[in-house]
């Protein structure tokens, strides 16, 4: 029932739309480009941070124990 209502609402919204006579100035394209580049840079920074954590986690399992150290 919920999905039927959702489809009905979306259909009504698409049928009742009017034309938008909008203008995008040249600065809008550069803002969109900056947003895309910022998203890419933030994604790379986040992935590199978690990649280093992942490498440290994996290196703990394959690290050789030094048996010559006295406790």
PDB file of N, CA and C in Angstrom:
ATOM      1  N   UNK A   1       0.811  -1.186   0.000  1.00  0.00           N
ATOM      2  CA  UNK A   1       0.000   0.000   0.000  1.00  0.00           C
ATOM      3  C   UNK A   1       0.865   1.265   0.000  1.00  0.00           C
ATOM      4  N   UNK A   2       1.960   1.216   0.749  1.00  0.00           N
ATOM      5  CA  UNK A   2       2.831   2.384   0.834  1.00  0.00           C
ATOM      6  C   UNK A   2       3.472   2.695  -0.511  1.00  0.00           C
ATOM      7  N   UNK A   3       3.901   1.653  -1.222  1.00  0.00           N
ATOM      8  CA  UNK A   3       4.554   1.892  -2.505  1.00  0.00           C
ATOM      9  C   UNK A   3       3.552   2.436  -3.529  1.00  0.00           C
ATOM     10  N   UNK A   4       2.301   2.004  -3.468  1.00  0.00           N
ATOM     11  CA  UNK A   4       1.276   2.520  -4.364  1.00  0.00           C
ATOM     12  C   UNK A   4       1.068   4.010  -4.125  1.00  0.00           C
ATOM     13  N   UNK A   5       1.002   4.403  -2.866  1.00  0.00           N
ATOM     14  CA  UNK A   5       0.835   5.810  -2.512  1.00  0.00           C
ATOM     15  C   UNK A   5       2.032   6.627  -2.967  1.00  0.00           C
ATOM     16  N   UNK A   6       3.233   6.095  -2.808  1.00  0.00           N
ATOM     17  CA  UNK A   6       4.445   6.795  -3.240  1.00  0.00           C
ATOM     18  C   UNK A   6       4.441   7.002  -4.744  1.00  0.00           C
ATOM     19  N   UNK A   7       4.087   5.978  -5.506  1.00  0.00           N
ATOM     20  CA  UNK A   7       4.009   6.108  -6.965  1.00  0.00           C
ATOM     21  C   UNK A   7       2.948   7.130  -7.375  1.00  0.00           C
ATOM     22  N   UNK A   8       1.854   7.147  -6.668  1.00  0.00           N
ATOM     23  CA  UNK A   8       0.786   8.089  -6.961  1.00  0.00           C
ATOM     24  C   UNK A   8       1.252   9.529  -6.718  1.00  0.00           C
ATOM     25  N   UNK A   9       1.913   9.767  -5.603  1.00  0.00           N
ATOM     26  CA  UNK A   9       2.398  11.111  -5.279  1.00  0.00           C
ATOM     27  C   UNK A   9       3.443  11.563  -6.293  1.00  0.00           C
ATOM     28  N   UNK A  10       4.371  10.684  -6.648  1.00  0.00           N
ATOM     29  CA  UNK A  10       5.407  11.041  -7.623  1.00  0.00           C
ATOM     30  C   UNK A  10       4.779  11.320  -8.981  1.00  0.00           C
ATOM     31  N   UNK A  11       3.803  10.547  -9.384  1.00  0.00           N
ATOM     32  CA  UNK A  11       3.120  10.766 -10.666  1.00  0.00           C
ATOM     33  C   UNK A  11       2.409  12.115 -10.677  1.00  0.00           C
ATOM     34  N   UNK A  12       1.732  12.447  -9.600  1.00  0.00           N
ATOM     35  CA  UNK A  12       1.031  13.732  -9.519  1.00  0.00           C
ATOM     36  C   UNK A  12       2.030  14.889  -9.568  1.00  0.00           C
ATOM     37  N   UNK A  13       3.146  14.747  -8.876  1.00  0.00           N
ATOM     38  CA  UNK A  13       4.152  15.815  -8.893  1.00  0.00           C
ATOM     39  C   UNK A  13       4.709  16.038 -10.288  1.00  0.00           C
ATOM     40  N   UNK A  14       4.926  14.976 -11.049  1.00  0.00           N
ATOM     41  CA  UNK A  14       5.433  15.123 -12.410  1.00  0.00           C
ATOM     42  C   UNK A  14       4.378  15.688 -13.358  1.00  0.00           C
ATOM     43  N   UNK A  15       3.119  15.356 -13.136  1.00  0.00           N
ATOM     44  CA  UNK A  15       2.062  15.841 -14.015  1.00  0.00           C
ATOM     45  C   UNK A  15       1.724  17.310 -13.770  1.00  0.00           C
ATOM     46  N   UNK A  16       1.929  17.789 -12.578  1.00  0.00           N
ATOM     47  CA  UNK A  16       1.542  19.157 -12.239  1.00  0.00           C
ATOM     48  C   UNK A  16       2.702  20.159 -12.303  1.00  0.00           C
ATOM     49  N   UNK A  17       3.817  19.776 -12.858  1.00  0.00           N
ATOM     50  CA  UNK A  17       4.944  20.703 -12.939  1.00  0.00           C
ATOM     51  C   UNK A  17       4.725  21.706 -14.057  1.00  0.00           C
ATOM     52  N   UNK A  18       5.309  22.864 -13.897  1.00  0.00           N
ATOM     53  CA  UNK A  18       5.232  23.889 -14.931  1.00  0.00           C
ATOM     54  C   UNK A  18       6.642  24.156 -15.458  1.00  0.00           C
ATOM     55  N   UNK A  19       6.704  24.848 -16.575  1.00  0.00           N
ATOM     56  CA  UNK A  19       8.005  25.154 -17.163  1.00  0.00           C
ATOM     57  C   UNK A  19       8.747  26.156 -16.299  1.00  0.00           C
ATOM     58  N   UNK A  20      10.042  25.968 -16.173  1.00  0.00           N
ATOM     59  CA  UNK A  20      10.875  26.912 -15.446  1.00  0.00           C
ATOM     60  C   UNK A  20      11.791  27.586 -16.453  1.00  0.00           C
ATOM     61  N   UNK A  21      11.664  28.882 -16.556  1.00  0.00           N
ATOM     62  CA  UNK A  21      12.515  29.651 -17.455  1.00  0.00           C
ATOM     63  C   UNK A  21      13.692  30.159 -16.630  1.00  0.00           C
ATOM     64  N   UNK A  22      14.667  29.304 -16.457  1.00  0.00           N
ATOM     65  CA  UNK A  22      15.786  29.614 -15.576  1.00  0.00           C
ATOM     66  C   UNK A  22      17.002  30.005 -16.392  1.00  0.00           C
ATOM     67  N   UNK A  23      17.857  30.766 -15.769  1.00  0.00           N
ATOM     68  CA  UNK A  23      19.097  31.210 -16.396  1.00  0.00           C
ATOM     69  C   UNK A  23      20.257  30.790 -15.508  1.00  0.00           C
ATOM     70  N   UNK A  24      21.222  30.148 -16.096  1.00  0.00           N
ATOM     71  CA  UNK A  24      22.432  29.786 -15.372  1.00  0.00           C
ATOM     72  C   UNK A  24      23.565  30.655 -15.896  1.00  0.00           C
ATOM     73  N   UNK A  25      24.097  31.495 -15.036  1.00  0.00           N
ATOM     74  CA  UNK A  25      25.178  32.362 -15.486  1.00  0.00           C
ATOM     75  C   UNK A  25      26.487  31.578 -15.574  1.00  0.00           C
ATOM     76  N   UNK A  26      27.510  32.136 -16.217  1.00  0.00           N
ATOM     77  CA  UNK A  26      28.767  31.405 -16.406  1.00  0.00           C
ATOM     78  C   UNK A  26      29.458  31.002 -15.103  1.00  0.00           C
ATOM     79  N   UNK A  27      29.228  31.748 -14.035  1.00  0.00           N
ATOM     80  CA  UNK A  27      29.849  31.413 -12.749  1.00  0.00           C
ATOM     81  C   UNK A  27      29.298  30.132 -12.140  1.00  0.00           C
ATOM     82  N   UNK A  28      28.100  29.748 -12.519  1.00  0.00           N
ATOM     83  CA  UNK A  28      27.491  28.541 -11.976  1.00  0.00           C
ATOM     84  C   UNK A  28      28.274  27.294 -12.379  1.00  0.00           C
ATOM     85  N   UNK A  29      28.760  27.278 -13.603  1.00  0.00           N
ATOM     86  CA  UNK A  29      29.540  26.124 -14.067  1.00  0.00           C
ATOM     87  C   UNK A  29      30.817  25.952 -13.274  1.00  0.00           C
ATOM     88  N   UNK A  30      31.483  27.055 -12.937  1.00  0.00           N
ATOM     89  CA  UNK A  30      32.719  26.947 -12.159  1.00  0.00           C
ATOM     90  C   UNK A  30      32.426  26.503 -10.731  1.00  0.00           C
ATOM     91  N   UNK A  31      31.300  26.917 -10.181  1.00  0.00           N
ATOM     92  CA  UNK A  31      30.938  26.480  -8.826  1.00  0.00           C
ATOM     93  C   UNK A  31      30.658  24.981  -8.817  1.00  0.00           C
ATOM     94  N   UNK A  32      29.958  24.508  -9.836  1.00  0.00           N
ATOM     95  CA  UNK A  32      29.680  23.072  -9.929  1.00  0.00           C
ATOM     96  C   UNK A  32      30.981  22.290 -10.092  1.00  0.00           C
ATOM     97  N   UNK A  33      31.891  22.792 -10.922  1.00  0.00           N
ATOM     98  CA  UNK A  33      33.187  22.137 -11.104  1.00  0.00           C
ATOM     99  C   UNK A  33      33.975  22.114  -9.801  1.00  0.00           C
ATOM    100  N   UNK A  34      33.955  23.211  -9.048  1.00  0.00           N
ATOM    101  CA  UNK A  34      34.658  23.256  -7.766  1.00  0.00           C
ATOM    102  C   UNK A  34      34.061  22.262  -6.783  1.00  0.00           C
ATOM    103  N   UNK A  35      32.746  22.135  -6.785  1.00  0.00           N
ATOM    104  CA  UNK A  35      32.094  21.180  -5.881  1.00  0.00           C
ATOM    105  C   UNK A  35      32.478  19.753  -6.232  1.00  0.00           C
ATOM    106  N   UNK A  36      32.534  19.444  -7.513  1.00  0.00           N
ATOM    107  CA  UNK A  36      32.928  18.096  -7.937  1.00  0.00           C
ATOM    108  C   UNK A  36      34.372  17.812  -7.552  1.00  0.00           C
ATOM    109  N   UNK A  37      35.261  18.778  -7.789  1.00  0.00           N
ATOM    110  CA  UNK A  37      36.673  18.586  -7.425  1.00  0.00           C
ATOM    111  C   UNK A  37      36.857  18.483  -5.912  1.00  0.00           C
ATOM    112  N   UNK A  38      36.088  19.255  -5.144  1.00  0.00           N
ATOM    113  CA  UNK A  38      36.173  19.166  -3.683  1.00  0.00           C
ATOM    114  C   UNK A  38      35.707  17.802  -3.199  1.00  0.00           C
ATOM    115  N   UNK A  39      34.661  17.271  -3.814  1.00  0.00           N
ATOM    116  CA  UNK A  39      34.178  15.942  -3.441  1.00  0.00           C
ATOM    117  C   UNK A  39      35.231  14.882  -3.739  1.00  0.00           C
ATOM    118  N   UNK A  40      35.867  14.985  -4.897  1.00  0.00           N
ATOM    119  CA  UNK A  40      36.910  14.022  -5.260  1.00  0.00           C
ATOM    120  C   UNK A  40      38.085  14.108  -4.298  1.00  0.00           C
ATOM    121  N   UNK A  41      38.519  15.335  -3.963  1.00  0.00           N
ATOM    122  CA  UNK A  41      39.652  15.505  -3.038  1.00  0.00           C
ATOM    123  C   UNK A  41      39.309  14.974  -1.655  1.00  0.00           C
ATOM    124  N   UNK A  42      38.108  15.253  -1.170  1.00  0.00           N
ATOM    125  CA  UNK A  42      37.701  14.756   0.148  1.00  0.00           C
ATOM    126  C   UNK A  42      37.601  13.238   0.152  1.00  0.00           C
ATOM    127  N   UNK A  43      37.124  12.655  -0.942  1.00  0.00           N
ATOM    128  CA  UNK A  43      37.029  11.199  -1.024  1.00  0.00           C
ATOM    129  C   UNK A  43      38.408  10.550  -1.002  1.00  0.00           C
ATOM    130  N   UNK A  44      39.347  11.124  -1.736  1.00  0.00           N
ATOM    131  CA  UNK A  44      40.706  10.579  -1.759  1.00  0.00           C
ATOM    132  C   UNK A  44      41.358  10.698  -0.387  1.00  0.00           C
ATOM    133  N   UNK A  45      41.167  11.837   0.284  1.00  0.00           N
ATOM    134  CA  UNK A  45      41.745  12.019   1.621  1.00  0.00           C
ATOM    135  C   UNK A  45      41.154  11.027   2.613  1.00  0.00           C
ATOM    136  N   UNK A  46      39.854  10.817   2.547  1.00  0.00           N
ATOM    137  CA  UNK A  46      39.198   9.865   3.448  1.00  0.00           C
ATOM    138  C   UNK A  46      39.670   8.447   3.179  1.00  0.00           C
ATOM    139  N   UNK A  47      39.754   8.073   1.912  1.00  0.00           N
ATOM    140  CA  UNK A  47      40.206   6.723   1.567  1.00  0.00           C
ATOM    141  C   UNK A  47      41.650   6.492   1.993  1.00  0.00           C
ATOM    142  N   UNK A  48      42.507   7.492   1.833  1.00  0.00           N
ATOM    143  CA  UNK A  48      43.907   7.311   2.239  1.00  0.00           C
ATOM    144  C   UNK A  48      44.021   7.161   3.750  1.00  0.00           C
ATOM    145  N   UNK A  49      43.196   7.873   4.499  1.00  0.00           N
ATOM    146  CA  UNK A  49      43.206   7.754   5.958  1.00  0.00           C
ATOM    147  C   UNK A  49      42.822   6.341   6.383  1.00  0.00           C
ATOM    148  N   UNK A  50      41.710   5.848   5.829  1.00  0.00           N
ATOM    149  CA  UNK A  50      41.268   4.502   6.206  1.00  0.00           C
ATOM    150  C   UNK A  50      42.148   3.423   5.601  1.00  0.00           C
ATOM    151  N   UNK A  51      42.808   3.676   4.478  1.00  0.00           N
ATOM    152  CA  UNK A  51      43.729   2.713   3.896  1.00  0.00           C
ATOM    153  C   UNK A  51      44.927   2.516   4.830  1.00  0.00           C
ATOM    154  N   UNK A  52      45.427   3.600   5.410  1.00  0.00           N
ATOM    155  CA  UNK A  52      46.541   3.484   6.346  1.00  0.00           C
ATOM    156  C   UNK A  52      46.125   2.715   7.596  1.00  0.00           C
ATOM    157  N   UNK A  53      44.923   2.964   8.098  1.00  0.00           N
ATOM    158  CA  UNK A  53      44.434   2.198   9.250  1.00  0.00           C
ATOM    159  C   UNK A  53      44.317   0.715   8.903  1.00  0.00           C
ATOM    160  N   UNK A  54      43.836   0.415   7.708  1.00  0.00           N
ATOM    161  CA  UNK A  54      43.691  -0.967   7.259  1.00  0.00           C
ATOM    162  C   UNK A  54      45.052  -1.647   7.151  1.00  0.00           C
ATOM    163  N   UNK A  55      46.050  -0.939   6.594  1.00  0.00           N
ATOM    164  CA  UNK A  55      47.388  -1.515   6.473  1.00  0.00           C
ATOM    165  C   UNK A  55      47.993  -1.804   7.847  1.00  0.00           C
ATOM    166  N   UNK A  56      47.786  -0.894   8.808  1.00  0.00           N
ATOM    167  CA  UNK A  56      48.310  -1.120  10.155  1.00  0.00           C
ATOM    168  C   UNK A  56      47.630  -2.331  10.802  1.00  0.00           C
ATOM    169  N   UNK A  57      46.332  -2.485  10.569  1.00  0.00           N
ATOM    170  CA  UNK A  57      45.583  -3.605  11.121  1.00  0.00           C
ATOM    171  C   UNK A  57      46.089  -4.928  10.552  1.00  0.00           C
ATOM    172  N   UNK A  58      46.314  -4.978   9.250  1.00  0.00           N
ATOM    173  CA  UNK A  58      46.794  -6.197   8.595  1.00  0.00           C
ATOM    174  C   UNK A  58      48.237  -6.498   8.994  1.00  0.00           C
ATOM    175  N   UNK A  59      49.053  -5.464   9.151  1.00  0.00           N
ATOM    176  CA  UNK A  59      50.456  -5.698   9.487  1.00  0.00           C
ATOM    177  C   UNK A  59      50.611  -6.319  10.871  1.00  0.00           C
ATOM    178  N   UNK A  60      49.634  -6.122  11.756  1.00  0.00           N
ATOM    179  CA  UNK A  60      49.696  -6.738  13.088  1.00  0.00           C
ATOM    180  C   UNK A  60      49.628  -8.262  12.988  1.00  0.00           C
ATOM    181  N   UNK A  61      48.895  -8.782  12.018  1.00  0.00           N
ATOM    182  CA  UNK A  61      48.753 -10.224  11.885  1.00  0.00           C
ATOM    183  C   UNK A  61      49.994 -10.883  11.285  1.00  0.00           C
ATOM    184  N   UNK A  62      50.695 -10.166  10.418  1.00  0.00           N
ATOM    185  CA  UNK A  62      51.831 -10.750   9.727  1.00  0.00           C
ATOM    186  C   UNK A  62      53.168 -10.314  10.300  1.00  0.00           C
ATOM    187  N   UNK A  63      53.137  -9.625  11.415  1.00  0.00           N
ATOM    188  CA  UNK A  63      54.360  -9.158  12.050  1.00  0.00           C
ATOM    189  C   UNK A  63      55.031 -10.329  12.762  1.00  0.00           C
ATOM    190  N   UNK A  64      56.334 -10.451  12.550  1.00  0.00           N
ATOM    191  CA  UNK A  64      57.085 -11.514  13.214  1.00  0.00           C
ATOM    192  C   UNK A  64      57.360 -11.109  14.652  1.00  0.00           C
ATOM    193  N   UNK A  65      57.214 -12.065  15.542  1.00  0.00           N
ATOM    194  CA  UNK A  65      57.503 -11.805  16.949  1.00  0.00           C
ATOM    195  C   UNK A  65      58.977 -12.051  17.201  1.00  0.00           C
ATOM    196  N   UNK A  66      59.586 -11.121  17.870  1.00  0.00           N
ATOM    197  CA  UNK A  66      60.999 -11.264  18.203  1.00  0.00           C
ATOM    198  C   UNK A  66      61.121 -12.013  19.527  1.00  0.00           C
ATOM    199  N   UNK A  67      61.646 -13.233  19.464  1.00  0.00           N
ATOM    200  CA  UNK A  67      61.716 -14.085  20.642  1.00  0.00           C
ATOM    201  C   UNK A  67      62.977 -13.824  21.474  1.00  0.00           C
ATOM    202  N   UNK A  68      63.865 -12.990  20.977  1.00  0.00           N
ATOM    203  CA  UNK A  68      65.100 -12.692  21.720  1.00  0.00           C
ATOM    204  C   UNK A  68      64.903 -11.622  22.775  1.00  0.00           C
ATOM    205  N   UNK A  69      63.780 -10.968  22.773  1.00  0.00           N
ATOM    206  CA  UNK A  69      63.517  -9.911  23.755  1.00  0.00           C
ATOM    207  C   UNK A  69      63.097 -10.559  25.056  1.00  0.00           C
ATOM    208  N   UNK A  70      63.745 -10.136  26.154  1.00  0.00           N
ATOM    209  CA  UNK A  70      63.400 -10.673  27.473  1.00  0.00           C
ATOM    210  C   UNK A  70      62.285  -9.844  28.071  1.00  0.00           C
ATOM    211  N   UNK A  71      61.337 -10.512  28.688  1.00  0.00           N
ATOM    212  CA  UNK A  71      60.221  -9.814  29.331  1.00  0.00           C
ATOM    213  C   UNK A  71      60.482  -9.598  30.777  1.00  0.00           C
TER     214      UNK A  71
END
